[in-house]
């Protein structure tokens, strides 16, 4: 609805769908945005550096690579000008892009018995909700967003932490001493703030096929133990 209304007003939309591929269903034709980009190294578990840039057909003549290579004057007619310019931009390593289809097939097959990628997304969503509820209970907070607004991640406030330094100290302790990697940081992020200190500190959990409910129990226990000391 937002894209359609902006388009009606003559405003092009660029959607930063970094986490979308593999976490939620994506239908670019229905979305109708002028530009859309998403990462392949997150929920698709592809190599770092693999990503997607999609440009609506009526905008492709305006878009060119930052690095102009031989495709700019390539006379080939078997592909669109957009493809000719972007498909090969000189000396680069295409390994990440070439490996992405294999990553998509591998993870999709893991949910084949129950519906392929849709089953993978549903399982990750359910596990994220389980993890969120267990962490929320440990922190003594209410989930700030309804289930329907979550994919395979969930953020929760840590009320007793006040600034970036405290957030980083806890994150580092969990990683170094408990063997748990989880993002903890101030919100809004520094680049979006009008003051030095954040409004609150958030912890963000994720759920993927290699996770299990016990992982979030470990995190909940570690948080309870460490935050009782503060």
Protein backbone atom coordinates (compact mmCIF):
# COMPACT_ATOMS: atom_id res chain seq x y z
CA UNK A 1 0.00 0.00 0.00
CA UNK A 2 2.84 2.40 0.83
CA UNK A 3 4.63 1.68 -2.45
CA UNK A 4 1.44 2.16 -4.47
CA UNK A 5 0.58 5.46 -2.76
CA UNK A 6 4.09 6.84 -3.17
CA UNK A 7 4.11 5.77 -6.79
CA UNK A 8 0.79 7.58 -7.32
CA UNK A 9 2.47 10.75 -6.01
CA UNK A 10 5.43 10.31 -8.34
CA UNK A 11 7.83 9.06 -5.67
CA UNK A 12 10.04 6.06 -6.47
CA UNK A 13 10.59 3.54 -3.67
CA UNK A 14 13.83 1.68 -2.91
CA UNK A 15 13.20 -1.24 -0.58
CA UNK A 16 16.11 -2.36 1.60
CA UNK A 17 15.07 -6.01 1.89
CA UNK A 18 18.37 -7.17 3.39
CA UNK A 19 16.85 -9.91 5.56
CA UNK A 20 13.84 -10.75 3.38
CA UNK A 21 15.18 -13.53 1.10
CA UNK A 22 14.67 -16.82 2.91
CA UNK A 23 12.90 -15.27 5.90
CA UNK A 24 9.60 -14.14 4.36
CA UNK A 25 7.98 -14.75 0.97
CA UNK A 26 9.00 -12.11 -1.59
CA UNK A 27 6.86 -11.18 -4.61
CA UNK A 28 8.59 -8.29 -6.37
CA UNK A 29 5.97 -7.94 -9.11
CA UNK A 30 3.20 -7.51 -6.54
CA UNK A 31 5.30 -5.15 -4.44
CA UNK A 32 5.84 -2.91 -7.44
CA UNK A 33 8.75 -0.92 -6.00
CA UNK A 34 11.06 0.85 -8.43
CA UNK A 35 14.12 -0.69 -6.75
CA UNK A 36 14.63 -3.62 -4.39
CA UNK A 37 17.74 -5.19 -2.90
CA UNK A 38 18.28 -8.18 -0.63
CA UNK A 39 21.15 -10.27 0.72
CA UNK A 40 21.94 -13.89 -0.02
CA UNK A 41 24.35 -14.43 2.88
CA UNK A 42 21.76 -14.06 5.61
CA UNK A 43 18.76 -16.43 5.67
CA UNK A 44 19.70 -18.16 2.41
CA UNK A 45 23.07 -19.04 3.98
CA UNK A 46 24.91 -18.17 0.78
CA UNK A 47 28.48 -16.83 0.68
CA UNK A 48 29.14 -13.30 1.88
CA UNK A 49 29.00 -10.88 -1.01
CA UNK A 50 26.04 -12.57 -2.68
CA UNK A 51 23.10 -10.24 -3.05
CA UNK A 52 20.29 -9.19 -5.38
CA UNK A 53 19.59 -5.87 -7.07
CA UNK A 54 16.21 -5.75 -8.79
CA UNK A 55 15.13 -2.74 -10.85
CA UNK A 56 11.64 -2.37 -12.26
CA UNK A 57 11.65 -2.65 -16.05
CA UNK A 58 10.67 0.99 -16.64
CA UNK A 59 13.64 2.22 -14.56
CA UNK A 60 16.45 0.05 -15.92
CA UNK A 61 17.62 2.48 -18.59
CA UNK A 62 18.48 4.98 -15.83
CA UNK A 63 20.61 2.62 -13.73
CA UNK A 64 24.27 1.84 -14.48
CA UNK A 65 27.05 0.13 -12.50
CA UNK A 66 29.32 2.33 -10.40
CA UNK A 67 32.20 0.68 -12.23
CA UNK A 68 31.73 1.15 -16.00
CA UNK A 69 33.38 -1.68 -17.91
CA UNK A 70 33.29 -3.13 -21.42
CA UNK A 71 29.57 -3.84 -21.12
CA UNK A 72 28.89 -0.12 -21.59
CA UNK A 73 29.64 -0.36 -25.31
CA UNK A 74 29.12 -4.11 -25.83
CA UNK A 75 27.04 -4.62 -29.01
CA UNK A 76 25.40 -7.84 -27.76
CA UNK A 77 21.65 -8.00 -28.33
CA UNK A 78 20.86 -11.34 -26.66
CA UNK A 79 20.30 -9.58 -23.32
CA UNK A 80 18.92 -6.24 -22.16
CA UNK A 81 21.28 -3.29 -21.81
CA UNK A 82 20.76 -3.55 -18.05
CA UNK A 83 22.04 -7.14 -18.06
CA UNK A 84 24.92 -6.43 -20.44
CA UNK A 85 26.27 -3.67 -18.20
CA UNK A 86 25.74 -5.41 -14.84
CA UNK A 87 26.48 -9.06 -15.61
CA UNK A 88 30.23 -8.53 -15.89
CA UNK A 89 31.78 -5.36 -14.50
CA UNK A 90 35.42 -6.18 -15.17
CA UNK A 91 37.78 -7.97 -12.78
CA UNK A 92 35.68 -9.49 -10.00
CA UNK A 93 35.10 -12.82 -8.31
CA UNK A 94 31.67 -14.25 -9.18
CA UNK A 95 31.98 -17.25 -6.83
CA UNK A 96 29.46 -15.96 -4.31
CA UNK A 97 26.78 -15.42 -6.95
CA UNK A 98 27.44 -18.77 -8.63
CA UNK A 99 27.17 -20.57 -5.28
CA UNK A 100 23.89 -18.95 -4.24
CA UNK A 101 21.58 -21.30 -6.22
CA UNK A 102 23.20 -24.27 -4.44
CA UNK A 103 22.60 -22.65 -1.04
CA UNK A 104 18.95 -21.97 -1.93
CA UNK A 105 18.46 -25.57 -3.08
CA UNK A 106 20.18 -27.05 0.00
CA UNK A 107 18.13 -25.16 2.57
CA UNK A 108 14.93 -25.53 0.58
CA UNK A 109 15.40 -29.30 0.43
CA UNK A 110 15.71 -29.43 4.21
CA UNK A 111 12.03 -28.50 4.38
CA UNK A 112 10.95 -30.48 1.33
CA UNK A 113 8.89 -33.07 3.22
CA UNK A 114 6.74 -30.35 4.75
CA UNK A 115 6.67 -27.78 1.98
CA UNK A 116 10.20 -26.65 1.09
CA UNK A 117 11.06 -23.03 1.75
CA UNK A 118 7.62 -22.17 3.13
CA UNK A 119 8.14 -24.87 5.76
CA UNK A 120 11.61 -23.53 6.54
CA UNK A 121 10.23 -20.02 7.03
CA UNK A 122 7.36 -21.28 9.21
CA UNK A 123 9.69 -23.35 11.41
CA UNK A 124 12.10 -20.46 11.88
CA UNK A 125 9.24 -18.08 12.69
CA UNK A 126 7.85 -20.45 15.32
CA UNK A 127 11.27 -20.93 16.89
CA UNK A 128 11.89 -17.18 16.97
CA UNK A 129 8.64 -16.72 18.90
CA UNK A 130 9.63 -19.47 21.34
CA UNK A 131 13.01 -17.87 21.89
CA UNK A 132 11.53 -14.41 22.25
CA UNK A 133 9.08 -15.57 24.91
CA UNK A 134 11.80 -17.29 26.93
CA UNK A 135 14.13 -14.29 26.77
CA UNK A 136 11.27 -11.91 27.60
CA UNK A 137 10.48 -13.97 30.68
CA UNK A 138 14.12 -13.89 31.79
CA UNK A 139 14.27 -10.11 31.32
CA UNK A 140 10.86 -9.49 32.87
CA UNK A 141 9.59 -7.55 29.84
CA UNK A 142 6.64 -7.77 27.49
CA UNK A 143 7.27 -8.48 23.79
CA UNK A 144 7.13 -5.07 22.07
CA UNK A 145 5.73 -6.32 18.74
CA UNK A 146 2.88 -8.69 17.81
CA UNK A 147 3.70 -12.12 16.41
CA UNK A 148 2.41 -11.17 12.96
CA UNK A 149 5.09 -8.48 12.58
CA UNK A 150 7.98 -10.89 13.11
CA UNK A 151 9.81 -13.11 10.69
CA UNK A 152 12.71 -15.12 12.11
CA UNK A 153 14.09 -12.39 14.39
CA UNK A 154 12.84 -10.66 17.51
CA UNK A 155 14.15 -7.66 19.45
CA UNK A 156 13.59 -7.11 23.17
CA UNK A 157 14.53 -4.24 25.49
CA UNK A 158 17.01 -4.73 28.35
CA UNK A 159 15.72 -2.09 30.80
CA UNK A 160 18.67 -2.18 33.22
CA UNK A 161 21.22 -1.22 30.55
CA UNK A 162 21.56 2.49 29.82
CA UNK A 163 24.15 3.13 27.11
CA UNK A 164 26.29 1.72 24.31
CA UNK A 165 29.19 0.87 26.61
CA UNK A 166 27.05 -1.30 28.87
CA UNK A 167 25.48 -2.95 25.84
CA UNK A 168 28.86 -3.77 24.33
CA UNK A 169 30.20 -5.06 27.65
CA UNK A 170 27.33 -7.54 27.98
CA UNK A 171 27.59 -8.64 24.35
CA UNK A 172 31.32 -9.26 24.73
CA UNK A 173 30.87 -11.21 27.99
CA UNK A 174 28.26 -13.48 26.43
CA UNK A 175 30.52 -14.19 23.46
CA UNK A 176 33.80 -14.55 25.33
CA UNK A 177 32.68 -16.33 28.49
CA UNK A 178 29.42 -18.08 27.55
CA UNK A 179 30.08 -18.88 23.90
CA UNK A 180 26.91 -17.08 22.78
CA UNK A 181 26.84 -14.65 19.87
CA UNK A 182 23.88 -12.28 19.91
CA UNK A 183 23.60 -8.61 18.90
CA UNK A 184 23.07 -6.18 21.78
CA UNK A 185 23.12 -2.46 21.10
CA UNK A 186 21.59 0.93 21.63
CA UNK A 187 18.44 2.00 19.81
CA UNK A 188 18.20 4.07 17.75
CA UNK A 189 21.59 3.30 16.20
CA UNK A 190 24.13 6.10 16.51
CA UNK A 191 23.60 7.36 12.98
CA UNK A 192 19.90 7.96 13.67
CA UNK A 193 20.14 9.63 17.08
CA UNK A 194 19.65 13.21 18.11
CA UNK A 195 21.37 12.63 21.48
CA UNK A 196 24.54 10.89 22.62
CA UNK A 197 22.81 8.10 24.54
CA UNK A 198 20.26 5.67 23.12
CA UNK A 199 16.63 5.65 24.13
CA UNK A 200 17.02 2.02 25.14
CA UNK A 201 19.23 -1.03 24.71
CA UNK A 202 17.92 -3.96 22.66
CA UNK A 203 18.89 -7.59 22.29
CA UNK A 204 18.01 -9.23 18.97
CA UNK A 205 17.68 -12.98 18.64
CA UNK A 206 17.44 -14.97 15.42
CA UNK A 207 16.22 -18.49 14.58
CA UNK A 208 17.58 -20.70 11.80
CA UNK A 209 17.37 -24.43 11.08
CA UNK A 210 20.54 -25.10 13.05
CA UNK A 211 19.04 -23.57 16.22
CA UNK A 212 16.93 -25.28 18.84
CA UNK A 213 14.87 -24.12 21.82
CA UNK A 214 17.68 -25.05 24.22
CA UNK A 215 19.85 -22.34 22.66
CA UNK A 216 17.49 -19.66 23.94
CA UNK A 217 17.31 -21.32 27.35
CA UNK A 218 21.11 -21.01 27.57
CA UNK A 219 20.88 -17.35 26.60
CA UNK A 220 18.07 -16.70 29.07
CA UNK A 221 20.08 -18.30 31.88
CA UNK A 222 23.21 -16.33 30.99
CA UNK A 223 21.28 -13.05 30.82
CA UNK A 224 19.64 -13.67 34.17
CA UNK A 225 22.95 -14.55 35.79
CA UNK A 226 24.86 -11.59 34.37
CA UNK A 227 22.19 -8.95 34.77
CA UNK A 228 21.66 -9.83 38.42
CA UNK A 229 25.21 -8.58 39.00
CA UNK A 230 24.46 -5.11 37.62
